[in-house]
Amino acid sequence: MKSKLLTGLVLFSAILCGCTSDTPPSQIRYSMVQDLAPEMMSGSSNIILQLNPVLDGGGIVLQVSDHSLREARFHRWAEPLNAQLGALVSNTMSKDKFSLNGHALEVYVARFQGSASGNIYISASFSLLTPQGLKIKTVSRQLETQQSEPGYDALVSALRSGFDRICHDALLELK
């Protein structure tokens, strides 16, 4: 009798455990570089791109107040953000026919985030360096604008076009 009761309890527990699901929702991955030629993704040793550490966690970052940011848990970058932004810099340089001529370009991205209200915030500094690593000239750009429609797809699209714009403007000034 005890063994039947124990077996019944074990079976009942197994059924209850099977009914609960601890499976997290699936993650959605976003890419800003799918339209680029593969050679843009290989990067350039003359482009040094650094991210504000808060942007480097793999998730899309949202600004939730004037002083706080939150990384999305289920809306993630498909490739590392620094690799994607480096490819976008390289692509803009190619389109603008911007040559480093043995120099290096150091890019620091301080802000690259959206907000629940649909605003996007991008800021970066672009420094032209000598082969020895000395700064020749630094240009800083920032952009605050509105997404065209709600949602993460529109956010990623707005971040991409905004970064392309500030990159283009900075490279024009560095020429």
Protein backbone atom coordinates (compact mmCIF):
# COMPACT_ATOMS: atom_id res chain seq x y z
CA MET A 1 0.00 0.00 0.00
CA LYS A 2 2.80 2.37 0.92
CA SER A 3 4.57 1.71 -2.37
CA LYS A 4 1.39 2.44 -4.37
CA LEU A 5 0.87 5.68 -2.42
CA LEU A 6 4.50 6.68 -2.93
CA THR A 7 4.31 5.82 -6.65
CA GLY A 8 1.10 7.85 -6.92
CA LEU A 9 2.73 10.87 -5.24
CA VAL A 10 5.77 10.65 -7.50
CA LEU A 11 3.54 10.43 -10.60
CA PHE A 12 1.39 13.32 -9.41
CA SER A 13 4.49 15.46 -8.73
CA ALA A 14 5.90 14.63 -12.16
CA ILE A 15 2.62 15.62 -13.83
CA LEU A 16 2.51 18.92 -11.93
CA CYS A 17 6.12 19.71 -12.79
CA GLY A 18 5.44 18.89 -16.42
CA CYS A 19 2.56 21.37 -16.53
CA THR A 20 4.64 24.32 -15.45
CA SER A 21 6.93 25.87 -17.98
CA ASP A 22 10.11 27.64 -17.07
CA THR A 23 11.04 28.01 -20.72
CA PRO A 24 11.93 31.66 -21.32
CA PRO A 25 10.45 33.43 -24.34
CA SER A 26 12.64 33.20 -27.40
CA GLN A 27 15.07 35.98 -28.16
CA ILE A 28 14.74 38.10 -31.28
CA ARG A 29 18.04 39.03 -32.95
CA TYR A 30 18.54 42.27 -34.88
CA SER A 31 21.17 43.14 -37.46
CA MET A 32 22.03 46.49 -38.99
CA VAL A 33 24.52 45.09 -41.48
CA GLN A 34 22.70 42.46 -43.54
CA ASP A 35 22.78 44.68 -46.62
CA LEU A 36 26.55 45.28 -46.47
CA ALA A 37 29.12 43.49 -48.59
CA PRO A 38 30.89 40.72 -46.66
CA GLU A 39 34.24 42.53 -46.81
CA MET A 40 32.76 45.35 -44.71
CA MET A 41 32.25 42.88 -41.87
CA SER A 42 35.92 41.85 -41.83
CA GLY A 43 36.74 45.25 -40.39
CA SER A 44 39.83 47.33 -40.82
CA SER A 45 42.83 47.34 -38.54
CA ASN A 46 42.89 51.12 -38.99
CA ILE A 47 39.43 51.56 -37.41
CA ILE A 48 39.40 51.34 -33.63
CA LEU A 49 35.83 51.32 -32.34
CA GLN A 50 35.01 51.38 -28.64
CA LEU A 51 31.62 51.30 -26.98
CA ASN A 52 30.43 52.80 -23.74
CA PRO A 53 30.41 49.65 -21.55
CA VAL A 54 26.64 49.91 -20.96
CA LEU A 55 26.11 49.32 -24.69
CA ASP A 56 28.29 46.21 -24.84
CA GLY A 57 26.00 43.64 -23.19
CA GLY A 58 24.50 42.19 -26.35
CA GLY A 59 21.00 43.59 -25.90
CA ILE A 60 19.38 46.67 -27.38
CA VAL A 61 19.56 49.47 -24.81
CA LEU A 62 16.58 51.61 -23.83
CA GLN A 63 16.74 54.82 -21.85
CA VAL A 64 14.02 54.56 -19.20
CA SER A 65 14.64 57.93 -17.49
CA ASP A 66 17.09 60.82 -17.61
CA HIS A 67 19.53 58.81 -15.51
CA SER A 68 18.86 55.14 -16.14
CA LEU A 69 19.24 52.66 -18.97
CA ARG A 70 17.94 49.14 -19.37
CA GLU A 71 19.25 46.42 -21.63
CA ALA A 72 16.55 44.39 -23.39
CA ARG A 73 16.57 40.72 -22.40
CA PHE A 74 14.78 39.33 -25.43
CA HIS A 75 15.72 41.86 -28.13
CA ARG A 76 19.41 41.21 -28.82
CA TRP A 77 21.97 42.17 -31.43
CA ALA A 78 22.65 39.42 -33.97
CA GLU A 79 26.37 40.25 -34.07
CA PRO A 80 28.43 42.17 -31.49
CA LEU A 81 27.42 45.83 -31.62
CA ASN A 82 31.01 47.06 -31.95
CA ALA A 83 31.50 44.82 -35.02
CA GLN A 84 28.29 46.12 -36.62
CA LEU A 85 29.15 49.77 -35.95
CA GLY A 86 32.71 49.22 -37.19
CA ALA A 87 31.29 47.78 -40.42
CA LEU A 88 28.97 50.80 -40.76
CA VAL A 89 31.95 53.17 -40.31
CA SER A 90 33.90 51.21 -42.93
CA ASN A 91 30.91 51.27 -45.29
CA THR A 92 30.48 55.05 -44.88
CA MET A 93 34.21 55.57 -45.49
CA SER A 94 33.93 53.53 -48.69
CA LYS A 95 30.85 55.40 -49.91
CA ASP A 96 32.39 58.80 -49.05
CA LYS A 97 35.74 57.79 -50.58
CA PHE A 98 37.43 58.66 -47.28
CA SER A 99 40.98 57.30 -47.13
CA LEU A 100 43.01 57.05 -43.95
CA ASN A 101 46.35 57.18 -45.85
CA GLY A 102 48.21 55.24 -43.17
CA HIS A 103 46.41 56.98 -40.31
CA ALA A 104 43.89 55.37 -37.97
CA LEU A 105 40.36 56.33 -37.04
CA GLU A 106 39.31 55.95 -33.42
CA VAL A 107 35.56 55.98 -32.80
CA TYR A 108 34.03 56.08 -29.32
CA VAL A 109 30.27 55.51 -29.18
CA ALA A 110 28.88 56.97 -25.96
CA ARG A 111 25.15 56.67 -26.68
CA PHE A 112 23.30 54.31 -28.99
CA GLN A 113 19.86 53.73 -27.51
CA GLY A 114 16.15 54.18 -27.88
CA SER A 115 13.40 54.98 -25.41
CA ALA A 116 9.87 53.82 -24.72
CA SER A 117 8.60 57.16 -26.04
CA GLY A 118 10.17 56.53 -29.45
CA ASN A 119 13.18 58.84 -29.13
CA ILE A 120 16.60 57.68 -30.22
CA TYR A 121 19.90 58.96 -28.85
CA ILE A 122 23.25 58.58 -30.59
CA SER A 123 26.54 60.25 -29.75
CA ALA A 124 30.05 59.43 -30.85
CA SER A 125 33.46 60.99 -31.21
CA PHE A 126 35.70 60.35 -34.22
CA SER A 127 39.45 60.94 -33.87
CA LEU A 128 41.98 60.83 -36.67
CA LEU A 129 45.26 59.38 -35.35
CA THR A 130 48.82 59.41 -36.65
CA PRO A 131 50.51 56.03 -37.20
CA GLN A 132 52.10 56.60 -33.76
CA GLY A 133 48.65 56.99 -32.15
CA LEU A 134 48.67 60.77 -31.62
CA LYS A 135 45.37 62.57 -32.18
CA ILE A 136 45.35 64.89 -35.16
CA LYS A 137 41.72 65.99 -34.95
CA THR A 138 38.59 64.93 -33.06
CA VAL A 139 35.01 65.53 -34.14
CA SER A 140 32.03 64.76 -31.91
CA ARG A 141 28.50 64.29 -33.14
CA GLN A 142 25.21 63.60 -31.45
CA LEU A 143 21.71 63.03 -32.67
CA GLU A 144 18.35 62.93 -30.95
CA THR A 145 15.39 62.12 -33.14
CA GLN A 146 12.12 60.21 -33.25
CA GLN A 147 11.39 56.73 -34.60
CA SER A 148 9.07 56.67 -37.61
CA GLU A 149 6.82 54.06 -35.94
CA PRO A 150 6.78 52.04 -32.70
CA GLY A 151 8.63 48.77 -32.19
CA TYR A 152 12.11 47.33 -32.12
CA ASP A 153 12.34 46.98 -35.93
CA ALA A 154 11.74 50.71 -36.32
CA LEU A 155 14.18 51.44 -33.46
CA VAL A 156 16.96 49.43 -35.11
CA SER A 157 16.28 51.10 -38.46
CA ALA A 158 16.36 54.58 -36.87
CA LEU A 159 19.57 53.79 -34.99
CA ARG A 160 21.21 52.58 -38.21
CA SER A 161 20.20 55.61 -40.27
CA GLY A 162 21.14 57.96 -37.42
CA PHE A 163 24.58 56.40 -37.02
CA ASP A 164 25.14 56.50 -40.78
CA ARG A 165 24.26 60.21 -40.73
CA ILE A 166 26.55 61.22 -37.87
CA CYS A 167 29.36 59.06 -39.30
CA HIS A 168 29.02 60.75 -42.70
CA ASP A 169 28.99 64.24 -41.12
CA ALA A 170 32.03 63.48 -38.95
CA LEU A 171 34.04 62.05 -41.85
CA LEU A 172 33.27 65.14 -43.96
CA GLU A 173 34.68 67.33 -41.23
CA LEU A 174 37.75 65.13 -40.76
CA LYS A 175 38.66 65.22 -44.50
